[in-house]
Amino acid sequence: MKNELAPIIARQELILEAAEIRSRGETIVLANGCFDLFHAGHLRYLSGAAELGDVLVVAVNSDDQARKLKGEGRPFTSELERAEIISGLRFVDFVTIFDEPTVEEILLAIKPDLHAKGTDYTTESVPERDIVRSYGGTVAIVGDPKDHSSTEIISRISGR
């Protein structure tokens, strides 16, 4: 069991790491999300993604993109803190923060063998599916049924 945190790295460094991983013949899995108010659904999604290959890369939405996706007042936790929480999971190998609306640019930059998405998607509804298929990658659906959400937790706490 590893005790250190996975490195949080910039895209250029991630591209170099991906090339090194490929040179060893290992498979790369990319998972992504906001991960604001980390919960069991997030853990199960990332754990399931890690089981698909040798190296798990997790892309975390920047604060600006999380706000655009989740609304004003979000995220509750900064991008660096969210990335640090993810980096503490023993099955995560690399974490990166992205500021684009989708992970398409990261997918094209590192061309992971598998792009893991949660069960709120199907392989046909993943927005980036055509990008992944264009370079020979595979989309995989992992995790438990989508019955956890930070938005739902916030509603319960605020009594809405």
C-alpha atoms as a PDB file:
ATOM      1  CA  MET A   1       0.000   0.000   0.000  1.00  0.00           C
ATOM      2  CA  LYS A   2       1.462   3.324  -0.983  1.00  0.00           C
ATOM      3  CA  ASN A   3       1.528   6.074   1.623  1.00  0.00           C
ATOM      4  CA  GLU A   4       2.445   9.112  -0.456  1.00  0.00           C
ATOM      5  CA  LEU A   5       0.051  11.363  -2.333  1.00  0.00           C
ATOM      6  CA  ALA A   6      -0.261  10.990  -6.083  1.00  0.00           C
ATOM      7  CA  PRO A   7       1.352  13.929  -7.853  1.00  0.00           C
ATOM      8  CA  ILE A   8      -0.823  16.801  -9.015  1.00  0.00           C
ATOM      9  CA  ILE A   9       0.698  17.736 -12.355  1.00  0.00           C
ATOM     10  CA  ALA A  10       0.191  20.151 -15.235  1.00  0.00           C
ATOM     11  CA  ARG A  11      -0.872  18.924 -18.652  1.00  0.00           C
ATOM     12  CA  GLN A  12       2.588  19.132 -20.240  1.00  0.00           C
ATOM     13  CA  GLU A  13       4.048  16.952 -17.517  1.00  0.00           C
ATOM     14  CA  LEU A  14       1.097  14.570 -17.835  1.00  0.00           C
ATOM     15  CA  ILE A  15       1.815  14.181 -21.562  1.00  0.00           C
ATOM     16  CA  LEU A  16       5.391  13.142 -20.743  1.00  0.00           C
ATOM     17  CA  GLU A  17       4.206  10.730 -18.032  1.00  0.00           C
ATOM     18  CA  ALA A  18       1.689   9.173 -20.435  1.00  0.00           C
ATOM     19  CA  ALA A  19       4.432   8.529 -23.002  1.00  0.00           C
ATOM     20  CA  GLU A  20       6.572   6.853 -20.311  1.00  0.00           C
ATOM     21  CA  ILE A  21       3.640   4.719 -19.153  1.00  0.00           C
ATOM     22  CA  ARG A  22       2.943   3.609 -22.732  1.00  0.00           C
ATOM     23  CA  SER A  23       6.606   2.760 -23.277  1.00  0.00           C
ATOM     24  CA  ARG A  24       6.260   0.261 -20.408  1.00  0.00           C
ATOM     25  CA  GLY A  25       3.215  -1.279 -22.080  1.00  0.00           C
ATOM     26  CA  GLU A  26       0.851  -0.195 -19.315  1.00  0.00           C
ATOM     27  CA  THR A  27      -2.750   0.919 -19.848  1.00  0.00           C
ATOM     28  CA  ILE A  28      -3.961   4.381 -18.892  1.00  0.00           C
ATOM     29  CA  VAL A  29      -7.431   5.110 -17.547  1.00  0.00           C
ATOM     30  CA  LEU A  30      -8.769   8.676 -17.363  1.00  0.00           C
ATOM     31  CA  ALA A  31     -11.593   9.630 -15.004  1.00  0.00           C
ATOM     32  CA  ASN A  32     -12.821  13.163 -14.439  1.00  0.00           C
ATOM     33  CA  GLY A  33     -15.181  15.295 -12.397  1.00  0.00           C
ATOM     34  CA  CYS A  34     -15.670  18.235 -10.057  1.00  0.00           C
ATOM     35  CA  PHE A  35     -15.494  16.140  -6.853  1.00  0.00           C
ATOM     36  CA  ASP A  36     -16.933  18.960  -4.751  1.00  0.00           C
ATOM     37  CA  LEU A  37     -17.994  17.561  -1.364  1.00  0.00           C
ATOM     38  CA  PHE A  38     -16.390  14.163  -1.947  1.00  0.00           C
ATOM     39  CA  HIS A  39     -18.815  11.290  -1.225  1.00  0.00           C
ATOM     40  CA  ALA A  40     -19.135   7.493  -1.524  1.00  0.00           C
ATOM     41  CA  GLY A  41     -20.335   7.716  -5.129  1.00  0.00           C
ATOM     42  CA  HIS A  42     -17.106   9.490  -6.080  1.00  0.00           C
ATOM     43  CA  LEU A  43     -15.042   6.845  -4.296  1.00  0.00           C
ATOM     44  CA  ARG A  44     -16.866   3.981  -6.018  1.00  0.00           C
ATOM     45  CA  TYR A  45     -16.523   5.654  -9.432  1.00  0.00           C
ATOM     46  CA  LEU A  46     -12.787   6.211  -9.061  1.00  0.00           C
ATOM     47  CA  SER A  47     -12.188   2.780  -7.558  1.00  0.00           C
ATOM     48  CA  GLY A  48     -14.044   1.190 -10.465  1.00  0.00           C
ATOM     49  CA  ALA A  49     -12.022   3.251 -12.934  1.00  0.00           C
ATOM     50  CA  ALA A  50      -8.756   2.148 -11.318  1.00  0.00           C
ATOM     51  CA  GLU A  51      -9.699  -1.503 -11.780  1.00  0.00           C
ATOM     52  CA  LEU A  52      -9.821  -1.055 -15.572  1.00  0.00           C
ATOM     53  CA  GLY A  53      -6.110  -0.513 -16.152  1.00  0.00           C
ATOM     54  CA  ASP A  54      -2.627  -0.049 -14.787  1.00  0.00           C
ATOM     55  CA  VAL A  55      -2.507   3.722 -14.230  1.00  0.00           C
ATOM     56  CA  LEU A  56      -5.383   5.979 -13.156  1.00  0.00           C
ATOM     57  CA  VAL A  57      -5.263   9.645 -14.102  1.00  0.00           C
ATOM     58  CA  VAL A  58      -7.960  11.845 -12.582  1.00  0.00           C
ATOM     59  CA  ALA A  59      -8.800  15.201 -14.153  1.00  0.00           C
ATOM     60  CA  VAL A  60     -10.453  17.682 -11.782  1.00  0.00           C
ATOM     61  CA  ASN A  61     -12.550  20.573 -13.083  1.00  0.00           C
ATOM     62  CA  SER A  62     -11.089  23.989 -12.272  1.00  0.00           C
ATOM     63  CA  ASP A  63     -12.994  26.275  -9.918  1.00  0.00           C
ATOM     64  CA  ASP A  64     -14.229  28.330 -12.877  1.00  0.00           C
ATOM     65  CA  GLN A  65     -15.547  25.288 -14.749  1.00  0.00           C
ATOM     66  CA  ALA A  66     -17.078  23.775 -11.595  1.00  0.00           C
ATOM     67  CA  ARG A  67     -18.933  27.066 -11.030  1.00  0.00           C
ATOM     68  CA  LYS A  68     -20.223  27.018 -14.618  1.00  0.00           C
ATOM     69  CA  LEU A  69     -21.415  23.425 -14.184  1.00  0.00           C
ATOM     70  CA  LYS A  70     -22.792  23.626 -10.632  1.00  0.00           C
ATOM     71  CA  GLY A  71     -23.846  27.277 -10.285  1.00  0.00           C
ATOM     72  CA  GLU A  72     -22.911  30.299  -8.191  1.00  0.00           C
ATOM     73  CA  GLY A  73     -21.574  29.525  -4.752  1.00  0.00           C
ATOM     74  CA  ARG A  74     -19.893  26.361  -5.967  1.00  0.00           C
ATOM     75  CA  PRO A  75     -17.510  24.746  -5.637  1.00  0.00           C
ATOM     76  CA  PHE A  76     -17.318  24.719  -1.857  1.00  0.00           C
ATOM     77  CA  THR A  77     -13.781  23.378  -1.951  1.00  0.00           C
ATOM     78  CA  SER A  78     -11.027  24.922  -4.076  1.00  0.00           C
ATOM     79  CA  GLU A  79      -9.603  23.097  -7.084  1.00  0.00           C
ATOM     80  CA  LEU A  80      -6.283  22.538  -5.308  1.00  0.00           C
ATOM     81  CA  GLU A  81      -7.967  21.074  -2.237  1.00  0.00           C
ATOM     82  CA  ARG A  82     -10.221  18.859  -4.374  1.00  0.00           C
ATOM     83  CA  ALA A  83      -7.164  17.670  -6.313  1.00  0.00           C
ATOM     84  CA  GLU A  84      -5.317  16.983  -3.062  1.00  0.00           C
ATOM     85  CA  ILE A  85      -8.203  14.889  -1.711  1.00  0.00           C
ATOM     86  CA  ILE A  86      -8.211  12.822  -4.923  1.00  0.00           C
ATOM     87  CA  SER A  87      -4.414  12.465  -4.802  1.00  0.00           C
ATOM     88  CA  GLY A  88      -4.737  10.848  -1.378  1.00  0.00           C
ATOM     89  CA  LEU A  89      -6.616   7.828  -2.737  1.00  0.00           C
ATOM     90  CA  ARG A  90      -4.230   4.890  -2.892  1.00  0.00           C
ATOM     91  CA  PHE A  91      -5.407   3.781  -6.348  1.00  0.00           C
ATOM     92  CA  VAL A  92      -4.913   7.192  -8.013  1.00  0.00           C
ATOM     93  CA  ASP A  93      -1.603   7.644  -9.833  1.00  0.00           C
ATOM     94  CA  PHE A  94      -1.826  11.196 -11.211  1.00  0.00           C
ATOM     95  CA  VAL A  95      -4.146  14.176 -10.798  1.00  0.00           C
ATOM     96  CA  THR A  96      -4.445  17.147 -13.093  1.00  0.00           C
ATOM     97  CA  ILE A  97      -6.719  20.196 -13.098  1.00  0.00           C
ATOM     98  CA  PHE A  98      -8.385  21.287 -16.318  1.00  0.00           C
ATOM     99  CA  ASP A  99     -10.012  24.599 -17.205  1.00  0.00           C
ATOM    100  CA  GLU A 100     -11.845  23.638 -20.397  1.00  0.00           C
ATOM    101  CA  PRO A 101     -15.597  22.849 -20.447  1.00  0.00           C
ATOM    102  CA  THR A 102     -14.888  19.182 -21.293  1.00  0.00           C
ATOM    103  CA  VAL A 103     -11.955  16.758 -21.009  1.00  0.00           C
ATOM    104  CA  GLU A 104     -11.598  16.516 -24.797  1.00  0.00           C
ATOM    105  CA  GLU A 105      -8.245  18.326 -24.852  1.00  0.00           C
ATOM    106  CA  ILE A 106      -6.794  16.038 -22.173  1.00  0.00           C
ATOM    107  CA  LEU A 107      -8.120  12.980 -24.006  1.00  0.00           C
ATOM    108  CA  LEU A 108      -6.417  14.107 -27.211  1.00  0.00           C
ATOM    109  CA  ALA A 109      -3.227  15.034 -25.365  1.00  0.00           C
ATOM    110  CA  ILE A 110      -2.672  11.749 -23.494  1.00  0.00           C
ATOM    111  CA  LYS A 111      -4.954   9.338 -25.424  1.00  0.00           C
ATOM    112  CA  PRO A 112      -5.864   7.113 -22.484  1.00  0.00           C
ATOM    113  CA  ASP A 113      -6.739   3.528 -23.339  1.00  0.00           C
ATOM    114  CA  LEU A 114      -9.956   3.892 -21.358  1.00  0.00           C
ATOM    115  CA  HIS A 115     -12.106   6.877 -20.502  1.00  0.00           C
ATOM    116  CA  ALA A 116     -14.172   6.004 -17.420  1.00  0.00           C
ATOM    117  CA  LYS A 117     -17.477   7.718 -16.734  1.00  0.00           C
ATOM    118  CA  GLY A 118     -20.063   7.225 -14.003  1.00  0.00           C
ATOM    119  CA  THR A 119     -23.347   5.364 -14.215  1.00  0.00           C
ATOM    120  CA  ASP A 120     -25.291   8.521 -14.999  1.00  0.00           C
ATOM    121  CA  TYR A 121     -23.981   7.884 -18.547  1.00  0.00           C
ATOM    122  CA  THR A 122     -24.150   5.035 -21.033  1.00  0.00           C
ATOM    123  CA  THR A 123     -21.314   4.325 -23.460  1.00  0.00           C
ATOM    124  CA  GLU A 124     -23.414   6.038 -26.130  1.00  0.00           C
ATOM    125  CA  SER A 125     -24.276   9.147 -24.088  1.00  0.00           C
ATOM    126  CA  VAL A 126     -20.713  10.053 -22.996  1.00  0.00           C
ATOM    127  CA  PRO A 127     -20.112  13.442 -24.667  1.00  0.00           C
ATOM    128  CA  GLU A 128     -16.465  12.630 -25.485  1.00  0.00           C
ATOM    129  CA  ARG A 129     -17.145   9.129 -26.901  1.00  0.00           C
ATOM    130  CA  ASP A 130     -16.318  10.075 -30.506  1.00  0.00           C
ATOM    131  CA  ILE A 131     -13.021  11.677 -29.455  1.00  0.00           C
ATOM    132  CA  VAL A 132     -12.051   8.543 -27.501  1.00  0.00           C
ATOM    133  CA  ARG A 133     -12.997   6.256 -30.378  1.00  0.00           C
ATOM    134  CA  SER A 134     -11.117   8.460 -32.878  1.00  0.00           C
ATOM    135  CA  TYR A 135      -7.759   7.420 -31.431  1.00  0.00           C
ATOM    136  CA  GLY A 136      -8.748   3.804 -30.680  1.00  0.00           C
ATOM    137  CA  GLY A 137      -9.683   4.204 -27.022  1.00  0.00           C
ATOM    138  CA  THR A 138     -12.653   2.732 -25.199  1.00  0.00           C
ATOM    139  CA  VAL A 139     -15.351   4.352 -23.080  1.00  0.00           C
ATOM    140  CA  ALA A 140     -16.260   2.428 -19.920  1.00  0.00           C
ATOM    141  CA  ILE A 141     -19.054   2.990 -17.404  1.00  0.00           C
ATOM    142  CA  VAL A 142     -18.080   2.322 -13.777  1.00  0.00           C
ATOM    143  CA  GLY A 143     -19.280   2.873 -10.231  1.00  0.00           C
ATOM    144  CA  ASP A 144     -22.529   2.287  -8.448  1.00  0.00           C
ATOM    145  CA  PRO A 145     -25.949   3.618  -9.451  1.00  0.00           C
ATOM    146  CA  LYS A 146     -26.046   7.410  -9.419  1.00  0.00           C
ATOM    147  CA  ASP A 147     -27.869   7.886  -6.119  1.00  0.00           C
ATOM    148  CA  HIS A 148     -25.291  10.192  -4.550  1.00  0.00           C
ATOM    149  CA  SER A 149     -24.675  13.812  -5.426  1.00  0.00           C
ATOM    150  CA  SER A 150     -23.123  16.838  -3.801  1.00  0.00           C
ATOM    151  CA  THR A 151     -26.124  18.897  -4.914  1.00  0.00           C
ATOM    152  CA  GLU A 152     -28.476  16.492  -3.113  1.00  0.00           C
ATOM    153  CA  ILE A 153     -26.331  16.592   0.037  1.00  0.00           C
ATOM    154  CA  ILE A 154     -26.416  20.406  -0.012  1.00  0.00           C
ATOM    155  CA  SER A 155     -30.199  20.381  -0.395  1.00  0.00           C
ATOM    156  CA  ARG A 156     -30.591  18.054   2.573  1.00  0.00           C
ATOM    157  CA  ILE A 157     -28.295  20.169   4.743  1.00  0.00           C
ATOM    158  CA  SER A 158     -30.084  23.390   3.847  1.00  0.00           C
ATOM    159  CA  GLY A 159     -33.507  21.817   4.399  1.00  0.00           C
ATOM    160  CA  ARG A 160     -34.705  22.290   0.813  1.00  0.00           C
END
